[in-house]
Amino acid sequence: MEKPKEAKRGLEERLKDYPELTGRIEEIVDELEQSVAQGGSLDDAEERVVPLVRKLGAEVLTARARRIASEVPAPSGAQVHRHAKKKSAG
């Protein structure tokens, strides 16, 4: 018998797992809204939003990398073998 599929979580619920990203997304939306409110063109909005989207991308990758790193168990000292030159007597 198959397990019932889980219902897909909404974006807001999923963002709770990444609280550091929520602020950046709000900042992007704020910039977009300000650009529109000031009567700016789409080019103006793009100039204001693109750098923020790049920062968001970097933060997404950093957050994911940290999450992956925290899930990987650290190797125990007995299993770690460092490479070193052999000491020769002759």
PDB file of N, CA and C in Angstrom:
ATOM      1  N   MET A   1       0.831  -1.168   0.000  1.00  0.00           N
ATOM      2  CA  MET A   1       0.000   0.000   0.000  1.00  0.00           C
ATOM      3  C   MET A   1       0.888   1.248   0.000  1.00  0.00           C
ATOM      4  N   GLU A   2       0.579   2.254  -0.857  1.00  0.00           N
ATOM      5  CA  GLU A   2       1.373   3.468  -0.954  1.00  0.00           C
ATOM      6  C   GLU A   2       1.017   4.443   0.154  1.00  0.00           C
ATOM      7  N   LYS A   3       2.042   5.205   0.564  1.00  0.00           N
ATOM      8  CA  LYS A   3       1.801   6.254   1.546  1.00  0.00           C
ATOM      9  C   LYS A   3       1.069   7.405   0.869  1.00  0.00           C
ATOM     10  N   PRO A   4       0.149   8.032   1.568  1.00  0.00           N
ATOM     11  CA  PRO A   4      -0.509   9.190   0.959  1.00  0.00           C
ATOM     12  C   PRO A   4       0.513  10.320   0.784  1.00  0.00           C
ATOM     13  N   LYS A   5       0.402  11.012  -0.349  1.00  0.00           N
ATOM     14  CA  LYS A   5       1.337  12.110  -0.621  1.00  0.00           C
ATOM     15  C   LYS A   5       1.029  13.267   0.316  1.00  0.00           C
ATOM     16  N   GLU A   6       2.107  13.904   0.774  1.00  0.00           N
ATOM     17  CA  GLU A   6       1.927  15.061   1.639  1.00  0.00           C
ATOM     18  C   GLU A   6       1.474  16.240   0.791  1.00  0.00           C
ATOM     19  N   ALA A   7       0.627  17.046   1.357  1.00  0.00           N
ATOM     20  CA  ALA A   7       0.188  18.249   0.658  1.00  0.00           C
ATOM     21  C   ALA A   7       1.378  19.208   0.571  1.00  0.00           C
ATOM     22  N   LYS A   8       1.514  19.830  -0.578  1.00  0.00           N
ATOM     23  CA  LYS A   8       2.619  20.769  -0.763  1.00  0.00           C
ATOM     24  C   LYS A   8       2.394  21.988   0.124  1.00  0.00           C
ATOM     25  N   ARG A   9       3.453  22.351   0.850  1.00  0.00           N
ATOM     26  CA  ARG A   9       3.354  23.503   1.735  1.00  0.00           C
ATOM     27  C   ARG A   9       3.387  24.794   0.923  1.00  0.00           C
ATOM     28  N   GLY A  10       2.721  25.799   1.411  1.00  0.00           N
ATOM     29  CA  GLY A  10       2.702  27.099   0.754  1.00  0.00           C
ATOM     30  C   GLY A  10       4.031  27.827   0.953  1.00  0.00           C
ATOM     31  N   LEU A  11       4.250  28.842   0.137  1.00  0.00           N
ATOM     32  CA  LEU A  11       5.499  29.595   0.189  1.00  0.00           C
ATOM     33  C   LEU A  11       5.741  30.197   1.571  1.00  0.00           C
ATOM     34  N   GLU A  12       4.722  30.781   2.143  1.00  0.00           N
ATOM     35  CA  GLU A  12       4.876  31.407   3.459  1.00  0.00           C
ATOM     36  C   GLU A  12       5.311  30.394   4.514  1.00  0.00           C
ATOM     37  N   GLU A  13       4.713  29.232   4.474  1.00  0.00           N
ATOM     38  CA  GLU A  13       5.070  28.179   5.430  1.00  0.00           C
ATOM     39  C   GLU A  13       6.504  27.695   5.182  1.00  0.00           C
ATOM     40  N   ARG A  14       6.871  27.549   3.905  1.00  0.00           N
ATOM     41  CA  ARG A  14       8.223  27.089   3.565  1.00  0.00           C
ATOM     42  C   ARG A  14       9.282  28.111   3.960  1.00  0.00           C
ATOM     43  N   LEU A  15       8.961  29.398   3.850  1.00  0.00           N
ATOM     44  CA  LEU A  15       9.926  30.439   4.215  1.00  0.00           C
ATOM     45  C   LEU A  15      10.223  30.450   5.716  1.00  0.00           C
ATOM     46  N   LYS A  16       9.350  29.867   6.507  1.00  0.00           N
ATOM     47  CA  LYS A  16       9.611  29.776   7.943  1.00  0.00           C
ATOM     48  C   LYS A  16      10.871  28.954   8.213  1.00  0.00           C
ATOM     49  N   ASP A  17      11.217  28.058   7.277  1.00  0.00           N
ATOM     50  CA  ASP A  17      12.435  27.265   7.415  1.00  0.00           C
ATOM     51  C   ASP A  17      13.684  28.082   7.097  1.00  0.00           C
ATOM     52  N   TYR A  18      13.505  29.237   6.459  1.00  0.00           N
ATOM     53  CA  TYR A  18      14.626  30.099   6.051  1.00  0.00           C
ATOM     54  C   TYR A  18      14.354  31.542   6.473  1.00  0.00           C
ATOM     55  N   PRO A  19      14.329  31.812   7.772  1.00  0.00           N
ATOM     56  CA  PRO A  19      13.961  33.159   8.228  1.00  0.00           C
ATOM     57  C   PRO A  19      14.919  34.251   7.729  1.00  0.00           C
ATOM     58  N   GLU A  20      16.165  33.876   7.455  1.00  0.00           N
ATOM     59  CA  GLU A  20      17.128  34.875   6.992  1.00  0.00           C
ATOM     60  C   GLU A  20      16.796  35.394   5.590  1.00  0.00           C
ATOM     61  N   LEU A  21      15.999  34.648   4.843  1.00  0.00           N
ATOM     62  CA  LEU A  21      15.649  35.058   3.480  1.00  0.00           C
ATOM     63  C   LEU A  21      14.418  35.955   3.436  1.00  0.00           C
ATOM     64  N   THR A  22      13.571  35.850   4.435  1.00  0.00           N
ATOM     65  CA  THR A  22      12.326  36.606   4.442  1.00  0.00           C
ATOM     66  C   THR A  22      12.589  38.109   4.374  1.00  0.00           C
ATOM     67  N   GLY A  23      13.547  38.586   5.133  1.00  0.00           N
ATOM     68  CA  GLY A  23      13.877  40.015   5.132  1.00  0.00           C
ATOM     69  C   GLY A  23      14.344  40.491   3.772  1.00  0.00           C
ATOM     70  N   ARG A  24      15.141  39.680   3.100  1.00  0.00           N
ATOM     71  CA  ARG A  24      15.655  40.061   1.779  1.00  0.00           C
ATOM     72  C   ARG A  24      14.510  40.116   0.764  1.00  0.00           C
ATOM     73  N   ILE A  25      13.583  39.172   0.827  1.00  0.00           N
ATOM     74  CA  ILE A  25      12.445  39.171  -0.099  1.00  0.00           C
ATOM     75  C   ILE A  25      11.568  40.393   0.144  1.00  0.00           C
ATOM     76  N   GLU A  26      11.355  40.730   1.404  1.00  0.00           N
ATOM     77  CA  GLU A  26      10.577  41.932   1.724  1.00  0.00           C
ATOM     78  C   GLU A  26      11.267  43.182   1.187  1.00  0.00           C
ATOM     79  N   GLU A  27      12.585  43.225   1.280  1.00  0.00           N
ATOM     80  CA  GLU A  27      13.346  44.370   0.772  1.00  0.00           C
ATOM     81  C   GLU A  27      13.180  44.512  -0.747  1.00  0.00           C
ATOM     82  N   ILE A  28      13.178  43.396  -1.459  1.00  0.00           N
ATOM     83  CA  ILE A  28      12.997  43.420  -2.917  1.00  0.00           C
ATOM     84  C   ILE A  28      11.609  43.959  -3.267  1.00  0.00           C
ATOM     85  N   VAL A  29      10.590  43.468  -2.583  1.00  0.00           N
ATOM     86  CA  VAL A  29       9.226  43.925  -2.843  1.00  0.00           C
ATOM     87  C   VAL A  29       9.094  45.409  -2.493  1.00  0.00           C
ATOM     88  N   ASP A  30       9.701  45.846  -1.401  1.00  0.00           N
ATOM     89  CA  ASP A  30       9.669  47.264  -1.022  1.00  0.00           C
ATOM     90  C   ASP A  30      10.277  48.138  -2.115  1.00  0.00           C
ATOM     91  N   GLU A  31      11.432  47.731  -2.639  1.00  0.00           N
ATOM     92  CA  GLU A  31      12.089  48.504  -3.702  1.00  0.00           C
ATOM     93  C   GLU A  31      11.213  48.584  -4.940  1.00  0.00           C
ATOM     94  N   LEU A  32      10.589  47.478  -5.298  1.00  0.00           N
ATOM     95  CA  LEU A  32       9.712  47.447  -6.463  1.00  0.00           C
ATOM     96  C   LEU A  32       8.529  48.390  -6.262  1.00  0.00           C
ATOM     97  N   GLU A  33       7.911  48.311  -5.098  1.00  0.00           N
ATOM     98  CA  GLU A  33       6.761  49.173  -4.807  1.00  0.00           C
ATOM     99  C   GLU A  33       7.153  50.642  -4.787  1.00  0.00           C
ATOM    100  N   GLN A  34       8.325  50.966  -4.224  1.00  0.00           N
ATOM    101  CA  GLN A  34       8.788  52.353  -4.201  1.00  0.00           C
ATOM    102  C   GLN A  34       9.035  52.875  -5.608  1.00  0.00           C
ATOM    103  N   SER A  35       9.628  52.039  -6.446  1.00  0.00           N
ATOM    104  CA  SER A  35       9.895  52.439  -7.819  1.00  0.00           C
ATOM    105  C   SER A  35       8.595  52.750  -8.558  1.00  0.00           C
ATOM    106  N   VAL A  36       7.593  51.909  -8.378  1.00  0.00           N
ATOM    107  CA  VAL A  36       6.295  52.120  -9.017  1.00  0.00           C
ATOM    108  C   VAL A  36       5.637  53.380  -8.466  1.00  0.00           C
ATOM    109  N   ALA A  37       5.676  53.553  -7.146  1.00  0.00           N
ATOM    110  CA  ALA A  37       5.048  54.711  -6.505  1.00  0.00           C
ATOM    111  C   ALA A  37       5.697  56.027  -6.954  1.00  0.00           C
ATOM    112  N   GLN A  38       6.978  55.970  -7.260  1.00  0.00           N
ATOM    113  CA  GLN A  38       7.693  57.174  -7.694  1.00  0.00           C
ATOM    114  C   GLN A  38       7.567  57.404  -9.196  1.00  0.00           C
ATOM    115  N   GLY A  39       6.785  56.559  -9.874  1.00  0.00           N
ATOM    116  CA  GLY A  39       6.574  56.718 -11.307  1.00  0.00           C
ATOM    117  C   GLY A  39       7.761  56.308 -12.153  1.00  0.00           C
ATOM    118  N   GLY A  40       8.619  55.476 -11.587  1.00  0.00           N
ATOM    119  CA  GLY A  40       9.801  55.031 -12.316  1.00  0.00           C
ATOM    120  C   GLY A  40       9.444  54.085 -13.448  1.00  0.00           C
ATOM    121  N   SER A  41      10.350  54.013 -14.411  1.00  0.00           N
ATOM    122  CA  SER A  41      10.159  53.097 -15.532  1.00  0.00           C
ATOM    123  C   SER A  41      10.543  51.681 -15.104  1.00  0.00           C
ATOM    124  N   LEU A  42      10.285  50.733 -15.974  1.00  0.00           N
ATOM    125  CA  LEU A  42      10.689  49.362 -15.691  1.00  0.00           C
ATOM    126  C   LEU A  42      12.206  49.258 -15.607  1.00  0.00           C
ATOM    127  N   ASP A  43      12.907  50.052 -16.407  1.00  0.00           N
ATOM    128  CA  ASP A  43      14.374  50.057 -16.337  1.00  0.00           C
ATOM    129  C   ASP A  43      14.855  50.531 -14.966  1.00  0.00           C
ATOM    130  N   ASP A  44      14.185  51.559 -14.427  1.00  0.00           N
ATOM    131  CA  ASP A  44      14.542  52.051 -13.088  1.00  0.00           C
ATOM    132  C   ASP A  44      14.303  50.972 -12.033  1.00  0.00           C
ATOM    133  N   ALA A  45      13.160  50.308 -12.145  1.00  0.00           N
ATOM    134  CA  ALA A  45      12.842  49.245 -11.185  1.00  0.00           C
ATOM    135  C   ALA A  45      13.872  48.128 -11.292  1.00  0.00           C
ATOM    136  N   GLU A  46      14.262  47.795 -12.516  1.00  0.00           N
ATOM    137  CA  GLU A  46      15.252  46.736 -12.715  1.00  0.00           C
ATOM    138  C   GLU A  46      16.587  47.108 -12.062  1.00  0.00           C
ATOM    139  N   GLU A  47      17.010  48.339 -12.243  1.00  0.00           N
ATOM    140  CA  GLU A  47      18.279  48.789 -11.648  1.00  0.00           C
ATOM    141  C   GLU A  47      18.250  48.708 -10.126  1.00  0.00           C
ATOM    142  N   ARG A  48      17.093  48.940  -9.547  1.00  0.00           N
ATOM    143  CA  ARG A  48      16.975  48.912  -8.095  1.00  0.00           C
ATOM    144  C   ARG A  48      16.852  47.488  -7.559  1.00  0.00           C
ATOM    145  N   VAL A  49      16.216  46.610  -8.320  1.00  0.00           N
ATOM    146  CA  VAL A  49      15.886  45.280  -7.813  1.00  0.00           C
ATOM    147  C   VAL A  49      16.964  44.237  -8.115  1.00  0.00           C
ATOM    148  N   VAL A  50      17.619  44.328  -9.268  1.00  0.00           N
ATOM    149  CA  VAL A  50      18.583  43.291  -9.667  1.00  0.00           C
ATOM    150  C   VAL A  50      19.689  43.080  -8.624  1.00  0.00           C
ATOM    151  N   PRO A  51      20.317  44.142  -8.094  1.00  0.00           N
ATOM    152  CA  PRO A  51      21.351  43.889  -7.064  1.00  0.00           C
ATOM    153  C   PRO A  51      20.794  43.167  -5.827  1.00  0.00           C
ATOM    154  N   LEU A  52      19.563  43.472  -5.486  1.00  0.00           N
ATOM    155  CA  LEU A  52      18.950  42.811  -4.328  1.00  0.00           C
ATOM    156  C   LEU A  52      18.658  41.343  -4.625  1.00  0.00           C
ATOM    157  N   VAL A  53      18.284  41.045  -5.849  1.00  0.00           N
ATOM    158  CA  VAL A  53      18.031  39.652  -6.240  1.00  0.00           C
ATOM    159  C   VAL A  53      19.342  38.867  -6.210  1.00  0.00           C
ATOM    160  N   ARG A  54      20.432  39.503  -6.635  1.00  0.00           N
ATOM    161  CA  ARG A  54      21.739  38.835  -6.572  1.00  0.00           C
ATOM    162  C   ARG A  54      22.115  38.517  -5.131  1.00  0.00           C
ATOM    163  N   LYS A  55      21.880  39.475  -4.225  1.00  0.00           N
ATOM    164  CA  LYS A  55      22.159  39.224  -2.805  1.00  0.00           C
ATOM    165  C   LYS A  55      21.301  38.073  -2.287  1.00  0.00           C
ATOM    166  N   LEU A  56      20.046  38.056  -2.706  1.00  0.00           N
ATOM    167  CA  LEU A  56      19.148  36.980  -2.301  1.00  0.00           C
ATOM    168  C   LEU A  56      19.688  35.640  -2.773  1.00  0.00           C
ATOM    169  N   GLY A  57      20.139  35.582  -4.014  1.00  0.00           N
ATOM    170  CA  GLY A  57      20.704  34.338  -4.551  1.00  0.00           C
ATOM    171  C   GLY A  57      21.881  33.853  -3.740  1.00  0.00           C
ATOM    172  N   ALA A  58      22.775  34.781  -3.393  1.00  0.00           N
ATOM    173  CA  ALA A  58      23.938  34.413  -2.591  1.00  0.00           C
ATOM    174  C   ALA A  58      23.505  33.910  -1.212  1.00  0.00           C
ATOM    175  N   GLU A  59      22.519  34.567  -0.624  1.00  0.00           N
ATOM    176  CA  GLU A  59      22.047  34.152   0.696  1.00  0.00           C
ATOM    177  C   GLU A  59      21.340  32.802   0.645  1.00  0.00           C
ATOM    178  N   VAL A  60      20.606  32.538  -0.431  1.00  0.00           N
ATOM    179  CA  VAL A  60      19.938  31.242  -0.582  1.00  0.00           C
ATOM    180  C   VAL A  60      20.970  30.125  -0.616  1.00  0.00           C
ATOM    181  N   LEU A  61      22.015  30.313  -1.434  1.00  0.00           N
ATOM    182  CA  LEU A  61      23.043  29.283  -1.547  1.00  0.00           C
ATOM    183  C   LEU A  61      23.813  29.110  -0.239  1.00  0.00           C
ATOM    184  N   THR A  62      24.101  30.210   0.436  1.00  0.00           N
ATOM    185  CA  THR A  62      24.808  30.138   1.716  1.00  0.00           C
ATOM    186  C   THR A  62      23.958  29.422   2.761  1.00  0.00           C
ATOM    187  N   ALA A  63      22.685  29.763   2.820  1.00  0.00           N
ATOM    188  CA  ALA A  63      21.794  29.117   3.791  1.00  0.00           C
ATOM    189  C   ALA A  63      21.697  27.623   3.518  1.00  0.00           C
ATOM    190  N   ARG A  64      21.601  27.261   2.253  1.00  0.00           N
ATOM    191  CA  ARG A  64      21.497  25.836   1.907  1.00  0.00           C
ATOM    192  C   ARG A  64      22.792  25.101   2.242  1.00  0.00           C
ATOM    193  N   ALA A  65      23.930  25.730   1.946  1.00  0.00           N
ATOM    194  CA  ALA A  65      25.219  25.107   2.246  1.00  0.00           C
ATOM    195  C   ALA A  65      25.383  24.895   3.750  1.00  0.00           C
ATOM    196  N   ARG A  66      24.969  25.870   4.544  1.00  0.00           N
ATOM    197  CA  ARG A  66      25.057  25.722   6.000  1.00  0.00           C
ATOM    198  C   ARG A  66      24.166  24.591   6.492  1.00  0.00           C
ATOM    199  N   ARG A  67      22.986  24.501   5.904  1.00  0.00           N
ATOM    200  CA  ARG A  67      22.052  23.452   6.302  1.00  0.00           C
ATOM    201  C   ARG A  67      22.618  22.071   5.966  1.00  0.00           C
ATOM    202  N   ILE A  68      23.204  21.942   4.784  1.00  0.00           N
ATOM    203  CA  ILE A  68      23.816  20.674   4.382  1.00  0.00           C
ATOM    204  C   ILE A  68      24.977  20.335   5.301  1.00  0.00           C
ATOM    205  N   ALA A  69      25.822  21.328   5.598  1.00  0.00           N
ATOM    206  CA  ALA A  69      26.981  21.103   6.461  1.00  0.00           C
ATOM    207  C   ALA A  69      26.559  20.684   7.867  1.00  0.00           C
ATOM    208  N   SER A  70      25.467  21.231   8.348  1.00  0.00           N
ATOM    209  CA  SER A  70      25.023  20.868   9.700  1.00  0.00           C
ATOM    210  C   SER A  70      24.431  19.464   9.746  1.00  0.00           C
ATOM    211  N   GLU A  71      23.990  18.945   8.603  1.00  0.00           N
ATOM    212  CA  GLU A  71      23.404  17.610   8.564  1.00  0.00           C
ATOM    213  C   GLU A  71      24.451  16.514   8.409  1.00  0.00           C
ATOM    214  N   VAL A  72      25.646  16.860   7.944  1.00  0.00           N
ATOM    215  CA  VAL A  72      26.695  15.877   7.723  1.00  0.00           C
ATOM    216  C   VAL A  72      27.441  15.649   9.035  1.00  0.00           C
ATOM    217  N   PRO A  73      27.535  14.415   9.479  1.00  0.00           N
ATOM    218  CA  PRO A  73      28.249  14.168  10.739  1.00  0.00           C
ATOM    219  C   PRO A  73      29.750  14.416  10.564  1.00  0.00           C
ATOM    220  N   ALA A  74      30.351  14.988  11.592  1.00  0.00           N
ATOM    221  CA  ALA A  74      31.796  15.238  11.570  1.00  0.00           C
ATOM    222  C   ALA A  74      32.527  13.906  11.721  1.00  0.00           C
ATOM    223  N   PRO A  75      33.627  13.742  10.997  1.00  0.00           N
ATOM    224  CA  PRO A  75      34.368  12.482  11.119  1.00  0.00           C
ATOM    225  C   PRO A  75      35.008  12.370  12.502  1.00  0.00           C
ATOM    226  N   SER A  76      35.022  11.158  13.018  1.00  0.00           N
ATOM    227  CA  SER A  76      35.661  10.962  14.322  1.00  0.00           C
ATOM    228  C   SER A  76      37.169  10.918  14.124  1.00  0.00           C
ATOM    229  N   GLY A  77      37.919  11.212  15.155  1.00  0.00           N
ATOM    230  CA  GLY A  77      39.377  11.273  15.074  1.00  0.00           C
ATOM    231  C   GLY A  77      40.022   9.977  14.639  1.00  0.00           C
ATOM    232  N   ALA A  78      39.423   8.843  14.976  1.00  0.00           N
ATOM    233  CA  ALA A  78      40.017   7.546  14.642  1.00  0.00           C
ATOM    234  C   ALA A  78      39.959   7.260  13.144  1.00  0.00           C
ATOM    235  N   GLN A  79      39.010   7.835  12.452  1.00  0.00           N
ATOM    236  CA  GLN A  79      38.855   7.554  11.034  1.00  0.00           C
ATOM    237  C   GLN A  79      39.631   8.527  10.144  1.00  0.00           C
ATOM    238  N   VAL A  80      40.068   9.619  10.691  1.00  0.00           N
ATOM    239  CA  VAL A  80      40.764  10.627   9.894  1.00  0.00           C
ATOM    240  C   VAL A  80      42.229  10.252   9.789  1.00  0.00           C
ATOM    241  N   HIS A  81      42.753  10.231   8.568  1.00  0.00           N
ATOM    242  CA  HIS A  81      44.148   9.902   8.347  1.00  0.00           C
ATOM    243  C   HIS A  81      44.777  11.028   7.547  1.00  0.00           C
ATOM    244  N   ARG A  82      45.725  11.675   8.125  1.00  0.00           N
ATOM    245  CA  ARG A  82      46.400  12.763   7.434  1.00  0.00           C
ATOM    246  C   ARG A  82      47.626  12.240   6.713  1.00  0.00           C
ATOM    247  N   HIS A  83      47.871  12.795   5.564  1.00  0.00           N
ATOM    248  CA  HIS A  83      49.031  12.403   4.781  1.00  0.00           C
ATOM    249  C   HIS A  83      50.263  13.103   5.344  1.00  0.00           C
ATOM    250  N   ALA A  84      51.328  12.361   5.530  1.00  0.00           N
ATOM    251  CA  ALA A  84      52.579  12.930   6.013  1.00  0.00           C
ATOM    252  C   ALA A  84      53.734  12.151   5.418  1.00  0.00           C
ATOM    253  N   LYS A  85      54.869  12.811   5.301  1.00  0.00           N
ATOM    254  CA  LYS A  85      56.051  12.130   4.767  1.00  0.00           C
ATOM    255  C   LYS A  85      56.519  11.082   5.760  1.00  0.00           C
ATOM    256  N   LYS A  86      57.023   9.993   5.219  1.00  0.00           N
ATOM    257  CA  LYS A  86      57.587   8.966   6.071  1.00  0.00           C
ATOM    258  C   LYS A  86      58.964   9.409   6.517  1.00  0.00           C
ATOM    259  N   LYS A  87      59.286   9.100   7.761  1.00  0.00           N
ATOM    260  CA  LYS A  87      60.602   9.445   8.272  1.00  0.00           C
ATOM    261  C   LYS A  87      61.530   8.258   8.003  1.00  0.00           C
ATOM    262  N   SER A  88      62.606   8.527   7.314  1.00  0.00           N
ATOM    263  CA  SER A  88      63.522   7.467   6.943  1.00  0.00           C
ATOM    264  C   SER A  88      64.802   7.562   7.773  1.00  0.00           C
ATOM    265  N   ALA A  89      65.320   6.429   8.194  1.00  0.00           N
ATOM    266  CA  ALA A  89      66.556   6.404   8.984  1.00  0.00           C
ATOM    267  C   ALA A  89      67.768   6.405   8.078  1.00  0.00           C
ATOM    268  N   GLY A  90      67.596   6.333   6.820  1.00  0.00           N
ATOM    269  CA  GLY A  90      68.785   6.194   6.006  1.00  0.00           C
ATOM    270  C   GLY A  90      68.644   6.751   4.709  1.00  0.00           C
TER     271      GLY A  90
END
